Amino acid sequence: MGDQGEEVQPHRTISECPVCYVSYDNGPKTPLLLSCGHTFCMECLSRMCIFTKQTDTFSCPLCRAAISIPAGGIPKLSANLEMMSSFPPGLQDLQTVWLEGSRLCWLKKNGSEDLGMVVTLQLLPHPEHPYPPHMVGVHHPPRLSRYRIWFTNYLGVGFLMLASLLFVFSIIFIPAYLIRVL
C-alpha cells in the first residue's frame, strides 16, 4: 500500500484440513489447534494417533513439533475457535465428540437442538470390508511357521558348511595328493 507498490494480502483462514483436504465442520472434521500453531481436523489427528497412548506425544504433520495428547484423547485438544467463528451460524457450536476404542463418536445436533443421536466413525478398516471400494488392498504372503523358518535357516547353514568343507578340501588335500602322485 505504500510507495513501494507492495500489495498487502488480506488475512485468510484455510477452510480445509491440509491432510485430507476436506472442509472443516463441528463434528469429526472439527479444526483442532495444536500447540505449534498448526490446525488439522479431529478425524485425521485421531487416525494418526489411533495406536498412541493417551498423555503420550505425537509429531505435528507439518513441523514435527512434539504435541501432547490430553487425557481423553485427541477430541480433548482445543478447537480452533477463530476458524470456527467463520463457519455458518449452525456450525459454530461444538459437537460433543469422544473416542470409543477405534471409533470417533459424537452427539448429532441440529443447531442448538440435541437430536439424541450418536453417530460413529470407524477409524480402522472394518474386518469384513478392510478397504474402501476406491482403494486397492495389498495382500501379504502368509507368515512362515516357526518350524519352517528353523528348518529353512538350518538347512541353509548346513549347505554353507558343506560347501566350505568341500572348498577347504579342494585347496588343501587335492594339491597334496597331486604332489604325492607326481
N, C-alpha and C. Protein backbone atom coordinates (compact mmCIF):
# COMPACT_ATOMS: atom_id res chain seq x y z
N MET A 1 0.81 -1.19 0.00
CA MET A 1 0.00 0.00 0.00
C MET A 1 0.85 1.26 0.00
N GLY A 2 2.12 1.13 0.29
CA GLY A 2 2.98 2.30 0.35
C GLY A 2 3.50 2.68 -1.02
N ASP A 3 4.58 3.46 -1.00
CA ASP A 3 5.17 3.92 -2.24
C ASP A 3 5.91 2.81 -3.01
N GLN A 4 6.24 1.69 -2.32
CA GLN A 4 6.99 0.64 -3.00
C GLN A 4 6.10 -0.17 -3.94
N GLY A 5 4.83 0.01 -3.93
CA GLY A 5 3.93 -0.72 -4.79
C GLY A 5 3.63 -2.14 -4.29
N GLU A 6 3.89 -2.40 -2.99
CA GLU A 6 3.61 -3.72 -2.44
C GLU A 6 2.12 -3.91 -2.27
N GLU A 7 1.68 -5.10 -2.61
CA GLU A 7 0.27 -5.41 -2.43
C GLU A 7 0.12 -6.21 -1.14
N VAL A 8 -0.74 -5.76 -0.25
CA VAL A 8 -0.95 -6.43 1.03
C VAL A 8 -2.06 -7.46 0.85
N GLN A 9 -1.74 -8.72 1.19
CA GLN A 9 -2.74 -9.79 1.09
C GLN A 9 -3.60 -9.78 2.35
N PRO A 10 -4.92 -9.91 2.19
CA PRO A 10 -5.77 -9.97 3.38
C PRO A 10 -5.53 -11.28 4.12
N HIS A 11 -5.72 -11.26 5.47
CA HIS A 11 -5.57 -12.47 6.28
C HIS A 11 -6.64 -13.47 5.86
N ARG A 12 -6.22 -14.66 5.54
CA ARG A 12 -7.15 -15.67 5.03
C ARG A 12 -7.01 -16.91 5.89
N THR A 13 -8.14 -17.49 6.30
CA THR A 13 -8.11 -18.74 7.04
C THR A 13 -8.36 -19.88 6.08
N ILE A 14 -7.66 -20.96 6.28
CA ILE A 14 -7.82 -22.13 5.43
C ILE A 14 -9.03 -22.90 5.93
N SER A 15 -9.94 -23.23 5.03
CA SER A 15 -11.20 -23.86 5.45
C SER A 15 -11.20 -25.37 5.29
N GLU A 16 -10.04 -25.96 4.96
CA GLU A 16 -9.99 -27.41 4.84
C GLU A 16 -8.72 -27.95 5.50
N CYS A 17 -8.80 -29.19 5.92
CA CYS A 17 -7.68 -29.86 6.58
C CYS A 17 -6.55 -30.07 5.57
N PRO A 18 -5.31 -29.71 5.92
CA PRO A 18 -4.20 -29.90 5.00
C PRO A 18 -3.78 -31.36 4.82
N VAL A 19 -4.36 -32.28 5.59
CA VAL A 19 -4.05 -33.70 5.44
C VAL A 19 -5.03 -34.36 4.48
N CYS A 20 -6.34 -34.21 4.76
CA CYS A 20 -7.35 -34.91 3.94
C CYS A 20 -8.02 -34.01 2.91
N TYR A 21 -7.81 -32.71 2.98
CA TYR A 21 -8.39 -31.72 2.05
C TYR A 21 -9.92 -31.72 2.07
N VAL A 22 -10.51 -32.01 3.22
CA VAL A 22 -11.96 -31.96 3.40
C VAL A 22 -12.27 -30.74 4.25
N SER A 23 -13.37 -30.06 3.95
CA SER A 23 -13.75 -28.86 4.70
C SER A 23 -14.02 -29.18 6.16
N TYR A 24 -13.65 -28.25 7.01
CA TYR A 24 -13.89 -28.41 8.44
C TYR A 24 -15.37 -28.31 8.74
N ASP A 25 -15.79 -28.94 9.86
CA ASP A 25 -17.15 -28.81 10.36
C ASP A 25 -17.09 -28.77 11.89
N ASN A 26 -18.18 -29.02 12.54
CA ASN A 26 -18.18 -29.00 14.00
C ASN A 26 -18.37 -30.41 14.58
N GLY A 27 -18.11 -31.44 13.79
CA GLY A 27 -18.20 -32.82 14.24
C GLY A 27 -16.84 -33.48 14.13
N PRO A 28 -16.73 -34.54 13.34
CA PRO A 28 -15.44 -35.24 13.24
C PRO A 28 -14.39 -34.41 12.50
N LYS A 29 -14.79 -33.44 11.74
CA LYS A 29 -13.86 -32.59 11.00
C LYS A 29 -13.63 -31.25 11.72
N THR A 30 -13.83 -31.25 13.04
CA THR A 30 -13.59 -30.04 13.84
C THR A 30 -12.13 -29.64 13.70
N PRO A 31 -11.84 -28.37 13.41
CA PRO A 31 -10.45 -27.93 13.31
C PRO A 31 -9.82 -27.85 14.70
N LEU A 32 -8.78 -28.63 14.93
CA LEU A 32 -8.09 -28.63 16.22
C LEU A 32 -6.78 -27.88 16.09
N LEU A 33 -6.54 -26.97 17.03
CA LEU A 33 -5.35 -26.14 17.03
C LEU A 33 -4.28 -26.80 17.90
N LEU A 34 -3.15 -27.11 17.30
CA LEU A 34 -2.06 -27.73 18.04
C LEU A 34 -1.22 -26.64 18.70
N SER A 35 -0.43 -27.03 19.69
CA SER A 35 0.38 -26.06 20.43
C SER A 35 1.43 -25.40 19.54
N CYS A 36 1.77 -26.00 18.40
CA CYS A 36 2.74 -25.40 17.48
C CYS A 36 2.08 -24.35 16.58
N GLY A 37 0.73 -24.25 16.62
CA GLY A 37 0.01 -23.26 15.82
C GLY A 37 -0.62 -23.81 14.56
N HIS A 38 -0.38 -25.07 14.22
CA HIS A 38 -0.99 -25.65 13.03
C HIS A 38 -2.35 -26.25 13.37
N THR A 39 -3.22 -26.31 12.37
CA THR A 39 -4.58 -26.80 12.55
C THR A 39 -4.85 -27.96 11.62
N PHE A 40 -5.50 -29.01 12.17
CA PHE A 40 -5.88 -30.20 11.42
C PHE A 40 -7.24 -30.66 11.91
N CYS A 41 -7.92 -31.46 11.11
CA CYS A 41 -9.23 -31.94 11.54
C CYS A 41 -9.07 -33.06 12.58
N MET A 42 -10.07 -33.19 13.43
CA MET A 42 -10.06 -34.17 14.50
C MET A 42 -9.94 -35.60 13.95
N GLU A 43 -10.62 -35.87 12.84
CA GLU A 43 -10.58 -37.21 12.27
C GLU A 43 -9.17 -37.60 11.85
N CYS A 44 -8.47 -36.74 11.14
CA CYS A 44 -7.11 -37.05 10.69
C CYS A 44 -6.17 -37.24 11.87
N LEU A 45 -6.24 -36.35 12.86
CA LEU A 45 -5.38 -36.49 14.03
C LEU A 45 -5.71 -37.77 14.80
N SER A 46 -7.00 -38.12 14.89
CA SER A 46 -7.39 -39.35 15.58
C SER A 46 -6.88 -40.57 14.84
N ARG A 47 -6.96 -40.56 13.52
CA ARG A 47 -6.43 -41.68 12.73
C ARG A 47 -4.92 -41.79 12.90
N MET A 48 -4.23 -40.64 12.93
CA MET A 48 -2.78 -40.64 13.11
C MET A 48 -2.37 -41.22 14.45
N CYS A 49 -3.17 -40.95 15.47
CA CYS A 49 -2.79 -41.30 16.84
C CYS A 49 -3.57 -42.49 17.39
N ILE A 50 -4.19 -43.28 16.51
CA ILE A 50 -5.05 -44.37 16.98
C ILE A 50 -4.29 -45.36 17.87
N PHE A 51 -2.99 -45.56 17.63
CA PHE A 51 -2.21 -46.51 18.42
C PHE A 51 -1.30 -45.82 19.43
N THR A 52 -1.46 -44.50 19.60
CA THR A 52 -0.65 -43.75 20.55
C THR A 52 -1.42 -43.67 21.86
N LYS A 53 -0.73 -43.89 22.97
CA LYS A 53 -1.38 -43.86 24.28
C LYS A 53 -1.77 -42.43 24.65
N GLN A 54 -2.84 -42.33 25.43
CA GLN A 54 -3.25 -41.01 25.93
C GLN A 54 -2.13 -40.48 26.82
N THR A 55 -2.01 -39.18 26.90
CA THR A 55 -0.97 -38.45 27.63
C THR A 55 0.42 -38.72 27.08
N ASP A 56 0.52 -39.33 25.91
CA ASP A 56 1.80 -39.51 25.22
C ASP A 56 1.93 -38.36 24.22
N THR A 57 2.89 -38.42 23.33
CA THR A 57 3.05 -37.34 22.36
C THR A 57 3.03 -37.90 20.94
N PHE A 58 2.75 -37.02 19.98
CA PHE A 58 2.84 -37.34 18.57
C PHE A 58 3.47 -36.14 17.89
N SER A 59 3.88 -36.31 16.65
CA SER A 59 4.53 -35.22 15.90
C SER A 59 3.52 -34.51 15.02
N CYS A 60 3.60 -33.19 14.99
CA CYS A 60 2.78 -32.39 14.09
C CYS A 60 3.11 -32.81 12.65
N PRO A 61 2.09 -33.06 11.82
CA PRO A 61 2.36 -33.49 10.44
C PRO A 61 3.13 -32.46 9.61
N LEU A 62 3.11 -31.19 10.00
CA LEU A 62 3.82 -30.17 9.21
C LEU A 62 5.21 -29.84 9.75
N CYS A 63 5.31 -29.55 11.04
CA CYS A 63 6.59 -29.08 11.56
C CYS A 63 7.30 -30.10 12.45
N ARG A 64 6.67 -31.22 12.74
CA ARG A 64 7.22 -32.30 13.57
C ARG A 64 7.43 -31.91 15.02
N ALA A 65 6.76 -30.86 15.49
CA ALA A 65 6.83 -30.49 16.90
C ALA A 65 6.13 -31.57 17.72
N ALA A 66 6.63 -31.82 18.92
CA ALA A 66 6.02 -32.82 19.80
C ALA A 66 4.75 -32.23 20.41
N ILE A 67 3.64 -32.93 20.22
CA ILE A 67 2.33 -32.48 20.73
C ILE A 67 1.85 -33.51 21.75
N SER A 68 1.48 -33.05 22.93
CA SER A 68 0.97 -33.95 23.97
C SER A 68 -0.49 -34.26 23.73
N ILE A 69 -0.85 -35.54 23.90
CA ILE A 69 -2.25 -35.95 23.79
C ILE A 69 -2.86 -35.83 25.18
N PRO A 70 -3.93 -35.05 25.32
CA PRO A 70 -4.53 -34.89 26.65
C PRO A 70 -5.28 -36.15 27.08
N ALA A 71 -5.55 -36.25 28.37
CA ALA A 71 -6.39 -37.34 28.88
C ALA A 71 -7.74 -37.23 28.18
N GLY A 72 -8.23 -38.32 27.65
CA GLY A 72 -9.46 -38.30 26.87
C GLY A 72 -9.19 -38.37 25.38
N GLY A 73 -7.90 -38.26 25.00
CA GLY A 73 -7.53 -38.42 23.61
C GLY A 73 -7.60 -37.15 22.78
N ILE A 74 -7.44 -37.34 21.48
CA ILE A 74 -7.41 -36.25 20.51
C ILE A 74 -8.65 -35.35 20.59
N PRO A 75 -9.87 -35.89 20.80
CA PRO A 75 -11.04 -34.99 20.86
C PRO A 75 -10.96 -33.93 21.96
N LYS A 76 -10.05 -34.11 22.92
CA LYS A 76 -9.92 -33.14 24.01
C LYS A 76 -8.93 -32.02 23.69
N LEU A 77 -8.29 -32.07 22.51
CA LEU A 77 -7.44 -30.95 22.11
C LEU A 77 -8.32 -29.72 21.86
N SER A 78 -7.76 -28.55 21.93
CA SER A 78 -8.52 -27.30 21.76
C SER A 78 -8.92 -27.10 20.31
N ALA A 79 -10.17 -26.70 20.12
CA ALA A 79 -10.66 -26.37 18.78
C ALA A 79 -10.11 -25.01 18.37
N ASN A 80 -9.94 -24.81 17.08
CA ASN A 80 -9.51 -23.52 16.56
C ASN A 80 -10.76 -22.64 16.47
N LEU A 81 -11.04 -21.90 17.55
CA LEU A 81 -12.27 -21.11 17.66
C LEU A 81 -12.28 -19.95 16.67
N GLU A 82 -11.10 -19.41 16.35
CA GLU A 82 -11.04 -18.34 15.35
C GLU A 82 -11.53 -18.85 14.01
N MET A 83 -11.11 -20.04 13.65
CA MET A 83 -11.53 -20.63 12.39
C MET A 83 -13.03 -20.97 12.43
N MET A 84 -13.48 -21.49 13.56
CA MET A 84 -14.90 -21.87 13.68
C MET A 84 -15.82 -20.65 13.66
N SER A 85 -15.29 -19.49 14.04
CA SER A 85 -16.14 -18.29 14.03
C SER A 85 -16.49 -17.87 12.60
N SER A 86 -15.74 -18.39 11.62
CA SER A 86 -16.05 -18.07 10.22
C SER A 86 -17.06 -19.06 9.62
N PHE A 87 -17.45 -20.09 10.39
CA PHE A 87 -18.44 -21.07 9.91
C PHE A 87 -19.82 -20.44 9.87
N PRO A 88 -20.75 -21.01 9.11
CA PRO A 88 -22.15 -20.57 9.16
C PRO A 88 -22.68 -20.73 10.59
N PRO A 89 -23.67 -19.94 11.00
CA PRO A 89 -24.15 -19.96 12.39
C PRO A 89 -24.51 -21.36 12.90
N GLY A 90 -25.03 -22.24 12.08
CA GLY A 90 -25.41 -23.58 12.54
C GLY A 90 -24.24 -24.48 12.84
N LEU A 91 -23.04 -24.13 12.35
CA LEU A 91 -21.86 -24.96 12.57
C LEU A 91 -20.89 -24.39 13.59
N GLN A 92 -21.26 -23.28 14.24
CA GLN A 92 -20.34 -22.65 15.17
C GLN A 92 -20.36 -23.29 16.55
N ASP A 93 -21.40 -24.06 16.88
CA ASP A 93 -21.45 -24.73 18.18
C ASP A 93 -20.69 -26.05 18.08
N LEU A 94 -19.80 -26.29 19.04
CA LEU A 94 -19.03 -27.53 19.04
C LEU A 94 -19.92 -28.72 19.39
N GLN A 95 -19.74 -29.80 18.67
CA GLN A 95 -20.43 -31.05 18.99
C GLN A 95 -19.64 -31.74 20.11
N THR A 96 -20.32 -32.59 20.87
CA THR A 96 -19.64 -33.40 21.87
C THR A 96 -19.06 -34.62 21.16
N VAL A 97 -17.73 -34.72 21.14
CA VAL A 97 -17.06 -35.80 20.42
C VAL A 97 -16.15 -36.54 21.40
N TRP A 98 -16.10 -37.88 21.28
CA TRP A 98 -15.26 -38.69 22.14
C TRP A 98 -14.79 -39.93 21.37
N LEU A 99 -13.79 -40.60 21.93
CA LEU A 99 -13.27 -41.83 21.34
C LEU A 99 -13.80 -43.03 22.12
N GLU A 100 -14.24 -44.05 21.40
CA GLU A 100 -14.59 -45.34 21.98
C GLU A 100 -13.80 -46.39 21.23
N GLY A 101 -12.66 -46.77 21.79
CA GLY A 101 -11.79 -47.73 21.10
C GLY A 101 -11.26 -47.12 19.82
N SER A 102 -11.62 -47.73 18.68
CA SER A 102 -11.16 -47.20 17.39
C SER A 102 -12.27 -46.47 16.66
N ARG A 103 -13.27 -45.99 17.41
CA ARG A 103 -14.37 -45.23 16.81
C ARG A 103 -14.41 -43.82 17.38
N LEU A 104 -14.66 -42.88 16.49
CA LEU A 104 -14.87 -41.49 16.87
C LEU A 104 -16.38 -41.30 16.95
N CYS A 105 -16.90 -40.88 18.09
CA CYS A 105 -18.34 -40.78 18.31
C CYS A 105 -18.71 -39.35 18.65
N TRP A 106 -19.91 -38.92 18.23
CA TRP A 106 -20.39 -37.60 18.58
C TRP A 106 -21.91 -37.59 18.62
N LEU A 107 -22.42 -36.65 19.45
CA LEU A 107 -23.87 -36.44 19.54
C LEU A 107 -24.29 -35.52 18.42
N LYS A 108 -25.24 -35.97 17.63
CA LYS A 108 -25.71 -35.17 16.50
C LYS A 108 -26.62 -34.07 17.01
N LYS A 109 -26.31 -32.85 16.59
CA LYS A 109 -27.12 -31.68 16.95
C LYS A 109 -27.59 -31.00 15.68
N ASN A 110 -28.71 -30.37 15.76
CA ASN A 110 -29.22 -29.56 14.66
C ASN A 110 -29.35 -28.15 15.21
N GLY A 111 -28.33 -27.34 14.98
CA GLY A 111 -28.31 -26.01 15.59
C GLY A 111 -28.06 -26.17 17.08
N SER A 112 -28.92 -25.62 17.91
CA SER A 112 -28.77 -25.77 19.36
C SER A 112 -29.61 -26.93 19.88
N GLU A 113 -30.37 -27.59 18.98
CA GLU A 113 -31.26 -28.67 19.38
C GLU A 113 -30.52 -30.01 19.33
N ASP A 114 -30.48 -30.72 20.48
CA ASP A 114 -29.83 -32.03 20.55
C ASP A 114 -30.81 -33.07 20.03
N LEU A 115 -30.41 -33.82 19.00
CA LEU A 115 -31.27 -34.83 18.41
C LEU A 115 -31.21 -36.15 19.17
N GLY A 116 -30.26 -36.29 20.11
CA GLY A 116 -30.14 -37.51 20.89
C GLY A 116 -29.64 -38.68 20.07
N MET A 117 -28.98 -38.42 18.96
CA MET A 117 -28.49 -39.48 18.10
C MET A 117 -26.96 -39.50 18.16
N VAL A 118 -26.39 -40.68 18.43
CA VAL A 118 -24.94 -40.83 18.47
C VAL A 118 -24.49 -41.35 17.11
N VAL A 119 -23.56 -40.65 16.51
CA VAL A 119 -23.01 -41.02 15.21
C VAL A 119 -21.58 -41.50 15.46
N THR A 120 -21.20 -42.60 14.80
CA THR A 120 -19.84 -43.12 14.97
C THR A 120 -19.12 -43.17 13.64
N LEU A 121 -17.82 -43.03 13.72
CA LEU A 121 -16.96 -43.11 12.55
C LEU A 121 -15.85 -44.10 12.89
N GLN A 122 -15.78 -45.19 12.14
CA GLN A 122 -14.76 -46.21 12.35
C GLN A 122 -13.41 -45.68 11.85
N LEU A 123 -12.40 -45.62 12.73
CA LEU A 123 -11.09 -45.08 12.35
C LEU A 123 -10.19 -46.13 11.72
N LEU A 124 -10.44 -47.40 12.04
CA LEU A 124 -9.69 -48.50 11.43
C LEU A 124 -10.58 -49.22 10.44
N PRO A 125 -10.01 -49.87 9.44
CA PRO A 125 -10.83 -50.60 8.47
C PRO A 125 -11.65 -51.68 9.17
N HIS A 126 -12.86 -51.88 8.69
CA HIS A 126 -13.74 -52.90 9.23
C HIS A 126 -13.22 -54.27 8.78
N PRO A 127 -13.22 -55.29 9.67
CA PRO A 127 -12.65 -56.59 9.29
C PRO A 127 -13.32 -57.22 8.07
N GLU A 128 -14.62 -57.02 7.89
CA GLU A 128 -15.31 -57.60 6.75
C GLU A 128 -15.07 -56.81 5.47
N HIS A 129 -14.85 -55.51 5.59
CA HIS A 129 -14.59 -54.64 4.45
C HIS A 129 -13.35 -53.82 4.76
N PRO A 130 -12.16 -54.43 4.62
CA PRO A 130 -10.95 -53.74 5.07
C PRO A 130 -10.58 -52.50 4.28
N TYR A 131 -11.02 -52.38 3.03
CA TYR A 131 -10.63 -51.24 2.23
C TYR A 131 -11.86 -50.63 1.58
N PRO A 132 -11.91 -49.30 1.50
CA PRO A 132 -13.00 -48.68 0.74
C PRO A 132 -12.92 -49.13 -0.71
N PRO A 133 -14.04 -49.09 -1.45
CA PRO A 133 -14.05 -49.60 -2.82
C PRO A 133 -13.03 -48.94 -3.75
N HIS A 134 -12.67 -47.68 -3.50
CA HIS A 134 -11.74 -47.00 -4.40
C HIS A 134 -10.27 -47.30 -4.08
N MET A 135 -10.00 -48.07 -3.01
CA MET A 135 -8.62 -48.38 -2.65
C MET A 135 -8.30 -49.83 -2.99
N VAL A 136 -7.05 -50.08 -3.28
CA VAL A 136 -6.59 -51.42 -3.60
C VAL A 136 -5.91 -51.99 -2.37
N GLY A 137 -6.30 -53.18 -1.96
CA GLY A 137 -5.68 -53.83 -0.82
C GLY A 137 -4.40 -54.54 -1.23
N VAL A 138 -3.43 -54.53 -0.36
CA VAL A 138 -2.18 -55.23 -0.59
C VAL A 138 -2.21 -56.49 0.26
N HIS A 139 -2.07 -57.64 -0.39
CA HIS A 139 -2.11 -58.91 0.33
C HIS A 139 -0.69 -59.36 0.62
N HIS A 140 -0.41 -59.61 1.88
CA HIS A 140 0.91 -60.06 2.29
C HIS A 140 0.96 -61.58 2.25
N PRO A 141 2.11 -62.17 1.92
CA PRO A 141 2.20 -63.63 1.94
C PRO A 141 2.01 -64.14 3.36
N PRO A 142 1.51 -65.35 3.52
CA PRO A 142 1.30 -65.86 4.87
C PRO A 142 2.63 -65.99 5.60
N ARG A 143 2.58 -65.81 6.89
CA ARG A 143 3.79 -65.91 7.70
C ARG A 143 4.22 -67.37 7.79
N LEU A 144 5.51 -67.60 7.76
CA LEU A 144 6.03 -68.95 7.87
C LEU A 144 5.95 -69.40 9.32
N SER A 145 5.70 -70.68 9.52
CA SER A 145 5.65 -71.19 10.88
C SER A 145 7.05 -71.16 11.47
N ARG A 146 7.12 -71.23 12.78
CA ARG A 146 8.40 -71.18 13.47
C ARG A 146 9.29 -72.35 13.05
N TYR A 147 8.72 -73.55 12.87
CA TYR A 147 9.50 -74.72 12.50
C TYR A 147 9.99 -74.63 11.05
N ARG A 148 9.18 -74.07 10.19
CA ARG A 148 9.60 -73.94 8.80
C ARG A 148 10.74 -72.94 8.69
N ILE A 149 10.67 -71.86 9.45
CA ILE A 149 11.77 -70.89 9.47
C ILE A 149 13.03 -71.56 10.02
N TRP A 150 12.89 -72.32 11.12
CA TRP A 150 14.02 -73.03 11.70
C TRP A 150 14.64 -73.98 10.69
N PHE A 151 13.79 -74.78 10.03
CA PHE A 151 14.27 -75.74 9.05
C PHE A 151 14.97 -75.03 7.89
N THR A 152 14.35 -73.96 7.40
CA THR A 152 14.93 -73.21 6.28
C THR A 152 16.27 -72.61 6.68
N ASN A 153 16.36 -72.03 7.85
CA ASN A 153 17.61 -71.41 8.29
C ASN A 153 18.71 -72.45 8.49
N TYR A 154 18.41 -73.56 9.18
CA TYR A 154 19.43 -74.56 9.45
C TYR A 154 19.82 -75.34 8.20
N LEU A 155 18.90 -75.50 7.29
CA LEU A 155 19.22 -76.13 6.02
C LEU A 155 20.22 -75.26 5.25
N GLY A 156 20.00 -73.97 5.25
CA GLY A 156 20.92 -73.04 4.59
C GLY A 156 22.28 -73.03 5.26
N VAL A 157 22.31 -73.04 6.60
CA VAL A 157 23.58 -73.06 7.33
C VAL A 157 24.32 -74.36 7.03
N GLY A 158 23.60 -75.48 7.02
CA GLY A 158 24.23 -76.78 6.72
C GLY A 158 24.82 -76.79 5.32
N PHE A 159 24.11 -76.25 4.37
CA PHE A 159 24.60 -76.20 3.00
C PHE A 159 25.88 -75.35 2.92
N LEU A 160 25.91 -74.22 3.60
CA LEU A 160 27.11 -73.37 3.61
C LEU A 160 28.29 -74.08 4.25
N MET A 161 28.05 -74.83 5.33
CA MET A 161 29.13 -75.57 5.98
C MET A 161 29.68 -76.64 5.05
N LEU A 162 28.81 -77.37 4.36
CA LEU A 162 29.24 -78.41 3.43
C LEU A 162 30.05 -77.80 2.28
N ALA A 163 29.58 -76.69 1.75
CA ALA A 163 30.31 -76.03 0.67
C ALA A 163 31.67 -75.55 1.15
N SER A 164 31.76 -75.05 2.37
CA SER A 164 33.04 -74.59 2.93
C SER A 164 34.01 -75.75 3.08
N LEU A 165 33.51 -76.87 3.60
CA LEU A 165 34.37 -78.05 3.76
C LEU A 165 34.90 -78.55 2.42
N LEU A 166 34.06 -78.59 1.41
CA LEU A 166 34.50 -79.01 0.07
C LEU A 166 35.55 -78.06 -0.48
N PHE A 167 35.37 -76.77 -0.25
CA PHE A 167 36.34 -75.78 -0.72
C PHE A 167 37.70 -75.98 -0.03
N VAL A 168 37.66 -76.11 1.29
CA VAL A 168 38.91 -76.32 2.04
C VAL A 168 39.57 -77.62 1.60
N PHE A 169 38.79 -78.67 1.44
CA PHE A 169 39.33 -79.96 0.99
C PHE A 169 40.01 -79.83 -0.36
N SER A 170 39.35 -79.10 -1.28
CA SER A 170 39.92 -78.97 -2.62
C SER A 170 41.19 -78.13 -2.62
N ILE A 171 41.33 -77.17 -1.72
CA ILE A 171 42.52 -76.32 -1.67
C ILE A 171 43.69 -77.04 -0.97
N ILE A 172 43.41 -77.79 0.07
CA ILE A 172 44.49 -78.40 0.85
C ILE A 172 44.81 -79.82 0.37
N PHE A 173 43.82 -80.69 0.29
CA PHE A 173 44.09 -82.10 0.06
C PHE A 173 44.34 -82.47 -1.40
N ILE A 174 43.68 -81.83 -2.32
CA ILE A 174 43.89 -82.18 -3.74
C ILE A 174 45.32 -81.82 -4.16
N PRO A 175 45.85 -80.61 -3.85
CA PRO A 175 47.25 -80.35 -4.22
C PRO A 175 48.23 -81.30 -3.53
N ALA A 176 47.97 -81.64 -2.25
CA ALA A 176 48.85 -82.57 -1.54
C ALA A 176 48.81 -83.94 -2.20
N TYR A 177 47.68 -84.39 -2.61
CA TYR A 177 47.54 -85.67 -3.29
C TYR A 177 48.25 -85.66 -4.63
N LEU A 178 48.10 -84.56 -5.36
CA LEU A 178 48.76 -84.44 -6.66
C LEU A 178 50.27 -84.43 -6.54
N ILE A 179 50.83 -83.79 -5.49
CA ILE A 179 52.27 -83.75 -5.28
C ILE A 179 52.79 -85.16 -4.98
N ARG A 180 52.05 -85.93 -4.20
CA ARG A 180 52.46 -87.29 -3.85
C ARG A 180 52.44 -88.20 -5.06
N VAL A 181 51.44 -88.04 -5.89
CA VAL A 181 51.30 -88.91 -7.05
C VAL A 181 52.38 -88.62 -8.08
N LEU A 182 52.70 -87.36 -8.22
CA LEU A 182 53.70 -86.98 -9.23
C LEU A 182 55.04 -87.19 -8.67
